[in-house]
Amino acid sequence: MQTAKEVLNELKWRDDRYLDEAEIYYVHRGAPGDYKIIRGFEIIDLGRSFITLEHGKIPYHRVFKIIYEGKAILSRKRS
């Protein structure tokens, strides 16, 4: 099974438009349902350990689902 980092990098290197269209679900304690969703176009950088956004960083281990073109291309149990 691929990691969130591998899946996101694959989308980015195929074509940035693929990454732009992805929906990334991640654990965010205190948010409704304890998760948030970002779109790929919000990503500034895919770093070694974190996804960098304008308003902060998300560790890859918090990503539990990635949707692209209506299909889950990554899905794992939330921790």
PDB file of N, CA and C in Angstrom:
ATOM      1  N   MET A   1       0.845  -1.186   0.000  1.00  0.00           N
ATOM      2  CA  MET A   1       0.000   0.000   0.000  1.00  0.00           C
ATOM      3  C   MET A   1       0.890   1.250   0.000  1.00  0.00           C
ATOM      4  N   GLN A   2       0.525   2.199  -0.839  1.00  0.00           N
ATOM      5  CA  GLN A   2       1.282   3.442  -0.918  1.00  0.00           C
ATOM      6  C   GLN A   2       0.959   4.348   0.265  1.00  0.00           C
ATOM      7  N   THR A   3       1.914   5.182   0.614  1.00  0.00           N
ATOM      8  CA  THR A   3       1.711   6.175   1.661  1.00  0.00           C
ATOM      9  C   THR A   3       1.061   7.421   1.056  1.00  0.00           C
ATOM     10  N   ALA A   4       0.544   8.288   1.923  1.00  0.00           N
ATOM     11  CA  ALA A   4      -0.041   9.548   1.466  1.00  0.00           C
ATOM     12  C   ALA A   4       0.993  10.368   0.701  1.00  0.00           C
ATOM     13  N   LYS A   5       2.205  10.384   1.192  1.00  0.00           N
ATOM     14  CA  LYS A   5       3.269  11.142   0.534  1.00  0.00           C
ATOM     15  C   LYS A   5       3.511  10.618  -0.876  1.00  0.00           C
ATOM     16  N   GLU A   6       3.564   9.311  -1.039  1.00  0.00           N
ATOM     17  CA  GLU A   6       3.797   8.710  -2.351  1.00  0.00           C
ATOM     18  C   GLU A   6       2.656   9.023  -3.320  1.00  0.00           C
ATOM     19  N   VAL A   7       1.423   8.924  -2.837  1.00  0.00           N
ATOM     20  CA  VAL A   7       0.260   9.194  -3.688  1.00  0.00           C
ATOM     21  C   VAL A   7       0.255  10.654  -4.133  1.00  0.00           C
ATOM     22  N   LEU A   8       0.469  11.569  -3.202  1.00  0.00           N
ATOM     23  CA  LEU A   8       0.472  12.994  -3.544  1.00  0.00           C
ATOM     24  C   LEU A   8       1.619  13.348  -4.482  1.00  0.00           C
ATOM     25  N   ASN A   9       2.782  12.784  -4.253  1.00  0.00           N
ATOM     26  CA  ASN A   9       3.915  13.030  -5.153  1.00  0.00           C
ATOM     27  C   ASN A   9       3.633  12.493  -6.556  1.00  0.00           C
ATOM     28  N   GLU A  10       2.996  11.333  -6.634  1.00  0.00           N
ATOM     29  CA  GLU A  10       2.653  10.774  -7.940  1.00  0.00           C
ATOM     30  C   GLU A  10       1.709  11.710  -8.694  1.00  0.00           C
ATOM     31  N   LEU A  11       0.703  12.246  -8.004  1.00  0.00           N
ATOM     32  CA  LEU A  11      -0.214  13.199  -8.643  1.00  0.00           C
ATOM     33  C   LEU A  11       0.529  14.457  -9.100  1.00  0.00           C
ATOM     34  N   LYS A  12       1.410  14.943  -8.245  1.00  0.00           N
ATOM     35  CA  LYS A  12       2.147  16.169  -8.571  1.00  0.00           C
ATOM     36  C   LYS A  12       3.046  15.979  -9.787  1.00  0.00           C
ATOM     37  N   TRP A  13       3.765  14.875  -9.839  1.00  0.00           N
ATOM     38  CA  TRP A  13       4.743  14.709 -10.898  1.00  0.00           C
ATOM     39  C   TRP A  13       4.126  14.257 -12.207  1.00  0.00           C
ATOM     40  N   ARG A  14       2.921  13.698 -12.160  1.00  0.00           N
ATOM     41  CA  ARG A  14       2.213  13.411 -13.418  1.00  0.00           C
ATOM     42  C   ARG A  14       1.864  14.714 -14.108  1.00  0.00           C
ATOM     43  N   ASP A  15       1.263  15.601 -13.312  1.00  0.00           N
ATOM     44  CA  ASP A  15       0.827  16.909 -13.825  1.00  0.00           C
ATOM     45  C   ASP A  15       0.252  17.661 -12.635  1.00  0.00           C
ATOM     46  N   ASP A  16       0.695  18.882 -12.418  1.00  0.00           N
ATOM     47  CA  ASP A  16       0.213  19.655 -11.264  1.00  0.00           C
ATOM     48  C   ASP A  16      -1.307  19.769 -11.236  1.00  0.00           C
ATOM     49  N   ARG A  17      -1.948  19.717 -12.413  1.00  0.00           N
ATOM     50  CA  ARG A  17      -3.416  19.812 -12.439  1.00  0.00           C
ATOM     51  C   ARG A  17      -4.053  18.634 -11.725  1.00  0.00           C
ATOM     52  N   TYR A  18      -3.412  17.460 -11.769  1.00  0.00           N
ATOM     53  CA  TYR A  18      -3.951  16.299 -11.055  1.00  0.00           C
ATOM     54  C   TYR A  18      -3.955  16.567  -9.553  1.00  0.00           C
ATOM     55  N   LEU A  19      -2.867  17.075  -9.056  1.00  0.00           N
ATOM     56  CA  LEU A  19      -2.783  17.390  -7.631  1.00  0.00           C
ATOM     57  C   LEU A  19      -3.793  18.470  -7.264  1.00  0.00           C
ATOM     58  N   ASP A  20      -3.943  19.478  -8.116  1.00  0.00           N
ATOM     59  CA  ASP A  20      -4.880  20.564  -7.849  1.00  0.00           C
ATOM     60  C   ASP A  20      -6.301  20.063  -7.633  1.00  0.00           C
ATOM     61  N   GLU A  21      -6.681  18.992  -8.313  1.00  0.00           N
ATOM     62  CA  GLU A  21      -8.050  18.473  -8.254  1.00  0.00           C
ATOM     63  C   GLU A  21      -8.288  17.489  -7.099  1.00  0.00           C
ATOM     64  N   ALA A  22      -7.248  17.070  -6.421  1.00  0.00           N
ATOM     65  CA  ALA A  22      -7.389  16.085  -5.346  1.00  0.00           C
ATOM     66  C   ALA A  22      -8.019  16.710  -4.094  1.00  0.00           C
ATOM     67  N   GLU A  23      -8.763  15.886  -3.369  1.00  0.00           N
ATOM     68  CA  GLU A  23      -9.292  16.261  -2.056  1.00  0.00           C
ATOM     69  C   GLU A  23      -8.549  15.420  -1.025  1.00  0.00           C
ATOM     70  N   ILE A  24      -7.969  16.082  -0.039  1.00  0.00           N
ATOM     71  CA  ILE A  24      -7.166  15.407   0.973  1.00  0.00           C
ATOM     72  C   ILE A  24      -7.877  15.525   2.314  1.00  0.00           C
ATOM     73  N   TYR A  25      -8.219  14.388   2.893  1.00  0.00           N
ATOM     74  CA  TYR A  25      -8.881  14.321   4.194  1.00  0.00           C
ATOM     75  C   TYR A  25      -7.815  14.034   5.246  1.00  0.00           C
ATOM     76  N   TYR A  26      -7.836  14.814   6.333  1.00  0.00           N
ATOM     77  CA  TYR A  26      -6.846  14.575   7.372  1.00  0.00           C
ATOM     78  C   TYR A  26      -7.448  14.777   8.759  1.00  0.00           C
ATOM     79  N   VAL A  27      -6.878  14.087   9.729  1.00  0.00           N
ATOM     80  CA  VAL A  27      -7.323  14.171  11.119  1.00  0.00           C
ATOM     81  C   VAL A  27      -6.994  15.549  11.657  1.00  0.00           C
ATOM     82  N   HIS A  28      -8.017  16.201  12.224  1.00  0.00           N
ATOM     83  CA  HIS A  28      -7.854  17.518  12.839  1.00  0.00           C
ATOM     84  C   HIS A  28      -8.741  17.539  14.085  1.00  0.00           C
ATOM     85  N   ARG A  29      -8.153  17.219  15.206  1.00  0.00           N
ATOM     86  CA  ARG A  29      -8.908  17.128  16.459  1.00  0.00           C
ATOM     87  C   ARG A  29      -9.586  18.459  16.782  1.00  0.00           C
ATOM     88  N   GLY A  30     -10.858  18.378  17.154  1.00  0.00           N
ATOM     89  CA  GLY A  30     -11.607  19.572  17.506  1.00  0.00           C
ATOM     90  C   GLY A  30     -12.455  20.109  16.364  1.00  0.00           C
ATOM     91  N   ALA A  31     -12.133  19.722  15.147  1.00  0.00           N
ATOM     92  CA  ALA A  31     -12.958  20.116  13.997  1.00  0.00           C
ATOM     93  C   ALA A  31     -14.202  19.227  13.983  1.00  0.00           C
ATOM     94  N   PRO A  32     -15.282  19.666  13.353  1.00  0.00           N
ATOM     95  CA  PRO A  32     -16.465  18.798  13.249  1.00  0.00           C
ATOM     96  C   PRO A  32     -16.086  17.455  12.626  1.00  0.00           C
ATOM     97  N   GLY A  33     -16.402  16.369  13.333  1.00  0.00           N
ATOM     98  CA  GLY A  33     -16.038  15.034  12.866  1.00  0.00           C
ATOM     99  C   GLY A  33     -14.579  14.685  13.072  1.00  0.00           C
ATOM    100  N   ASP A  34     -13.829  15.575  13.680  1.00  0.00           N
ATOM    101  CA  ASP A  34     -12.385  15.410  13.924  1.00  0.00           C
ATOM    102  C   ASP A  34     -11.560  15.262  12.645  1.00  0.00           C
ATOM    103  N   TYR A  35     -12.040  15.868  11.547  1.00  0.00           N
ATOM    104  CA  TYR A  35     -11.244  15.880  10.331  1.00  0.00           C
ATOM    105  C   TYR A  35     -11.542  17.143   9.523  1.00  0.00           C
ATOM    106  N   LYS A  36     -10.637  17.446   8.618  1.00  0.00           N
ATOM    107  CA  LYS A  36     -10.803  18.555   7.680  1.00  0.00           C
ATOM    108  C   LYS A  36     -10.442  18.050   6.293  1.00  0.00           C
ATOM    109  N   ILE A  37     -10.863  18.813   5.296  1.00  0.00           N
ATOM    110  CA  ILE A  37     -10.573  18.485   3.904  1.00  0.00           C
ATOM    111  C   ILE A  37      -9.903  19.699   3.265  1.00  0.00           C
ATOM    112  N   ILE A  38      -8.819  19.437   2.550  1.00  0.00           N
ATOM    113  CA  ILE A  38      -8.199  20.501   1.758  1.00  0.00           C
ATOM    114  C   ILE A  38      -8.187  20.051   0.309  1.00  0.00           C
ATOM    115  N   ARG A  39      -8.047  20.989  -0.597  1.00  0.00           N
ATOM    116  CA  ARG A  39      -7.913  20.695  -2.019  1.00  0.00           C
ATOM    117  C   ARG A  39      -6.444  20.807  -2.384  1.00  0.00           C
ATOM    118  N   GLY A  40      -6.056  20.060  -3.374  1.00  0.00           N
ATOM    119  CA  GLY A  40      -4.659  20.032  -3.781  1.00  0.00           C
ATOM    120  C   GLY A  40      -4.091  21.384  -4.151  1.00  0.00           C
ATOM    121  N   PHE A  41      -4.939  22.260  -4.703  1.00  0.00           N
ATOM    122  CA  PHE A  41      -4.427  23.577  -5.106  1.00  0.00           C
ATOM    123  C   PHE A  41      -4.022  24.433  -3.913  1.00  0.00           C
ATOM    124  N   GLU A  42      -4.419  24.024  -2.692  1.00  0.00           N
ATOM    125  CA  GLU A  42      -4.018  24.751  -1.485  1.00  0.00           C
ATOM    126  C   GLU A  42      -2.607  24.394  -1.025  1.00  0.00           C
ATOM    127  N   ILE A  43      -2.050  23.323  -1.570  1.00  0.00           N
ATOM    128  CA  ILE A  43      -0.732  22.847  -1.160  1.00  0.00           C
ATOM    129  C   ILE A  43       0.358  23.719  -1.774  1.00  0.00           C
ATOM    130  N   ILE A  44       1.232  24.217  -0.908  1.00  0.00           N
ATOM    131  CA  ILE A  44       2.375  25.009  -1.349  1.00  0.00           C
ATOM    132  C   ILE A  44       3.572  24.105  -1.624  1.00  0.00           C
ATOM    133  N   ASP A  45       3.769  23.088  -0.751  1.00  0.00           N
ATOM    134  CA  ASP A  45       4.922  22.207  -0.904  1.00  0.00           C
ATOM    135  C   ASP A  45       4.617  20.844  -0.305  1.00  0.00           C
ATOM    136  N   LEU A  46       5.141  19.815  -0.947  1.00  0.00           N
ATOM    137  CA  LEU A  46       5.116  18.465  -0.392  1.00  0.00           C
ATOM    138  C   LEU A  46       6.515  18.190   0.136  1.00  0.00           C
ATOM    139  N   GLY A  47       6.681  18.408   1.423  1.00  0.00           N
ATOM    140  CA  GLY A  47       7.989  18.260   2.031  1.00  0.00           C
ATOM    141  C   GLY A  47       8.288  16.838   2.439  1.00  0.00           C
ATOM    142  N   ARG A  48       9.365  16.689   3.142  1.00  0.00           N
ATOM    143  CA  ARG A  48       9.807  15.363   3.587  1.00  0.00           C
ATOM    144  C   ARG A  48       8.829  14.718   4.564  1.00  0.00           C
ATOM    145  N   SER A  49       8.318  15.499   5.520  1.00  0.00           N
ATOM    146  CA  SER A  49       7.437  14.954   6.550  1.00  0.00           C
ATOM    147  C   SER A  49       6.077  15.632   6.626  1.00  0.00           C
ATOM    148  N   PHE A  50       5.944  16.767   5.940  1.00  0.00           N
ATOM    149  CA  PHE A  50       4.741  17.574   6.067  1.00  0.00           C
ATOM    150  C   PHE A  50       4.240  18.076   4.718  1.00  0.00           C
ATOM    151  N   ILE A  51       2.935  18.311   4.665  1.00  0.00           N
ATOM    152  CA  ILE A  51       2.316  19.049   3.572  1.00  0.00           C
ATOM    153  C   ILE A  51       2.292  20.499   4.041  1.00  0.00           C
ATOM    154  N   THR A  52       2.849  21.402   3.272  1.00  0.00           N
ATOM    155  CA  THR A  52       2.886  22.808   3.654  1.00  0.00           C
ATOM    156  C   THR A  52       1.747  23.551   2.964  1.00  0.00           C
ATOM    157  N   LEU A  53       0.977  24.264   3.785  1.00  0.00           N
ATOM    158  CA  LEU A  53      -0.116  25.108   3.316  1.00  0.00           C
ATOM    159  C   LEU A  53       0.207  26.542   3.688  1.00  0.00           C
ATOM    160  N   GLU A  54      -0.557  27.465   3.174  1.00  0.00           N
ATOM    161  CA  GLU A  54      -0.344  28.870   3.520  1.00  0.00           C
ATOM    162  C   GLU A  54      -0.516  29.099   5.024  1.00  0.00           C
ATOM    163  N   HIS A  55      -1.432  28.384   5.643  1.00  0.00           N
ATOM    164  CA  HIS A  55      -1.744  28.607   7.059  1.00  0.00           C
ATOM    165  C   HIS A  55      -1.137  27.574   8.009  1.00  0.00           C
ATOM    166  N   GLY A  56      -0.232  26.729   7.534  1.00  0.00           N
ATOM    167  CA  GLY A  56       0.403  25.773   8.436  1.00  0.00           C
ATOM    168  C   GLY A  56       0.894  24.526   7.724  1.00  0.00           C
ATOM    169  N   LYS A  57       1.151  23.492   8.517  1.00  0.00           N
ATOM    170  CA  LYS A  57       1.671  22.231   7.986  1.00  0.00           C
ATOM    171  C   LYS A  57       0.827  21.075   8.496  1.00  0.00           C
ATOM    172  N   ILE A  58       0.710  20.043   7.670  1.00  0.00           N
ATOM    173  CA  ILE A  58      -0.016  18.835   8.041  1.00  0.00           C
ATOM    174  C   ILE A  58       0.953  17.669   7.916  1.00  0.00           C
ATOM    175  N   PRO A  59       1.165  16.903   8.988  1.00  0.00           N
ATOM    176  CA  PRO A  59       2.019  15.723   8.868  1.00  0.00           C
ATOM    177  C   PRO A  59       1.324  14.659   8.006  1.00  0.00           C
ATOM    178  N   TYR A  60       2.081  13.981   7.175  1.00  0.00           N
ATOM    179  CA  TYR A  60       1.511  12.967   6.289  1.00  0.00           C
ATOM    180  C   TYR A  60       0.750  11.883   7.048  1.00  0.00           C
ATOM    181  N   HIS A  61       1.197  11.551   8.257  1.00  0.00           N
ATOM    182  CA  HIS A  61       0.545  10.459   8.977  1.00  0.00           C
ATOM    183  C   HIS A  61      -0.895  10.799   9.380  1.00  0.00           C
ATOM    184  N   ARG A  62      -1.287  12.066   9.280  1.00  0.00           N
ATOM    185  CA  ARG A  62      -2.670  12.448   9.588  1.00  0.00           C
ATOM    186  C   ARG A  62      -3.614  12.313   8.401  1.00  0.00           C
ATOM    187  N   VAL A  63      -3.067  12.147   7.217  1.00  0.00           N
ATOM    188  CA  VAL A  63      -3.899  11.979   6.019  1.00  0.00           C
ATOM    189  C   VAL A  63      -4.476  10.565   6.025  1.00  0.00           C
ATOM    190  N   PHE A  64      -5.811  10.466   5.903  1.00  0.00           N
ATOM    191  CA  PHE A  64      -6.419   9.149   5.901  1.00  0.00           C
ATOM    192  C   PHE A  64      -7.195   8.843   4.622  1.00  0.00           C
ATOM    193  N   LYS A  65      -7.425   9.857   3.774  1.00  0.00           N
ATOM    194  CA  LYS A  65      -8.117   9.590   2.515  1.00  0.00           C
ATOM    195  C   LYS A  65      -7.743  10.649   1.487  1.00  0.00           C
ATOM    196  N   ILE A  66      -7.573  10.189   0.249  1.00  0.00           N
ATOM    197  CA  ILE A  66      -7.344  11.094  -0.871  1.00  0.00           C
ATOM    198  C   ILE A  66      -8.320  10.695  -1.972  1.00  0.00           C
ATOM    199  N   ILE A  67      -9.095  11.674  -2.425  1.00  0.00           N
ATOM    200  CA  ILE A  67     -10.079  11.463  -3.473  1.00  0.00           C
ATOM    201  C   ILE A  67      -9.597  12.180  -4.734  1.00  0.00           C
ATOM    202  N   TYR A  68      -9.670  11.470  -5.860  1.00  0.00           N
ATOM    203  CA  TYR A  68      -9.336  12.076  -7.146  1.00  0.00           C
ATOM    204  C   TYR A  68     -10.357  11.587  -8.162  1.00  0.00           C
ATOM    205  N   GLU A  69     -10.965  12.524  -8.869  1.00  0.00           N
ATOM    206  CA  GLU A  69     -12.005  12.233  -9.848  1.00  0.00           C
ATOM    207  C   GLU A  69     -13.110  11.359  -9.261  1.00  0.00           C
ATOM    208  N   GLY A  70     -13.498  11.660  -8.018  1.00  0.00           N
ATOM    209  CA  GLY A  70     -14.601  10.962  -7.370  1.00  0.00           C
ATOM    210  C   GLY A  70     -14.279   9.593  -6.811  1.00  0.00           C
ATOM    211  N   LYS A  71     -13.020   9.155  -6.943  1.00  0.00           N
ATOM    212  CA  LYS A  71     -12.625   7.840  -6.441  1.00  0.00           C
ATOM    213  C   LYS A  71     -11.568   7.982  -5.360  1.00  0.00           C
ATOM    214  N   ALA A  72     -11.660   7.113  -4.344  1.00  0.00           N
ATOM    215  CA  ALA A  72     -10.648   7.087  -3.290  1.00  0.00           C
ATOM    216  C   ALA A  72      -9.397   6.414  -3.842  1.00  0.00           C
ATOM    217  N   ILE A  73      -8.308   7.164  -3.923  1.00  0.00           N
ATOM    218  CA  ILE A  73      -7.045   6.583  -4.374  1.00  0.00           C
ATOM    219  C   ILE A  73      -6.138   6.251  -3.191  1.00  0.00           C
ATOM    220  N   LEU A  74      -6.551   6.710  -2.001  1.00  0.00           N
ATOM    221  CA  LEU A  74      -5.911   6.311  -0.750  1.00  0.00           C
ATOM    222  C   LEU A  74      -7.004   6.291   0.295  1.00  0.00           C
ATOM    223  N   SER A  75      -7.072   5.229   1.036  1.00  0.00           N
ATOM    224  CA  SER A  75      -8.049   5.139   2.112  1.00  0.00           C
ATOM    225  C   SER A  75      -7.475   4.229   3.189  1.00  0.00           C
ATOM    226  N   ARG A  76      -7.381   4.760   4.383  1.00  0.00           N
ATOM    227  CA  ARG A  76      -6.892   3.964   5.511  1.00  0.00           C
ATOM    228  C   ARG A  76      -7.657   4.365   6.760  1.00  0.00           C
ATOM    229  N   LYS A  77      -7.585   3.546   7.762  1.00  0.00           N
ATOM    230  CA  LYS A  77      -8.282   3.801   9.010  1.00  0.00           C
ATOM    231  C   LYS A  77      -7.721   5.056   9.677  1.00  0.00           C
ATOM    232  N   ARG A  78      -8.623   5.876  10.187  1.00  0.00           N
ATOM    233  CA  ARG A  78      -8.168   7.080  10.921  1.00  0.00           C
ATOM    234  C   ARG A  78      -7.511   6.677  12.216  1.00  0.00           C
ATOM    235  N   SER A  79      -6.453   7.371  12.580  1.00  0.00           N
ATOM    236  CA  SER A  79      -5.777   7.078  13.853  1.00  0.00           C
ATOM    237  C   SER A  79      -6.062   8.145  14.870  1.00  0.00           C
TER     238      SER A  79
END
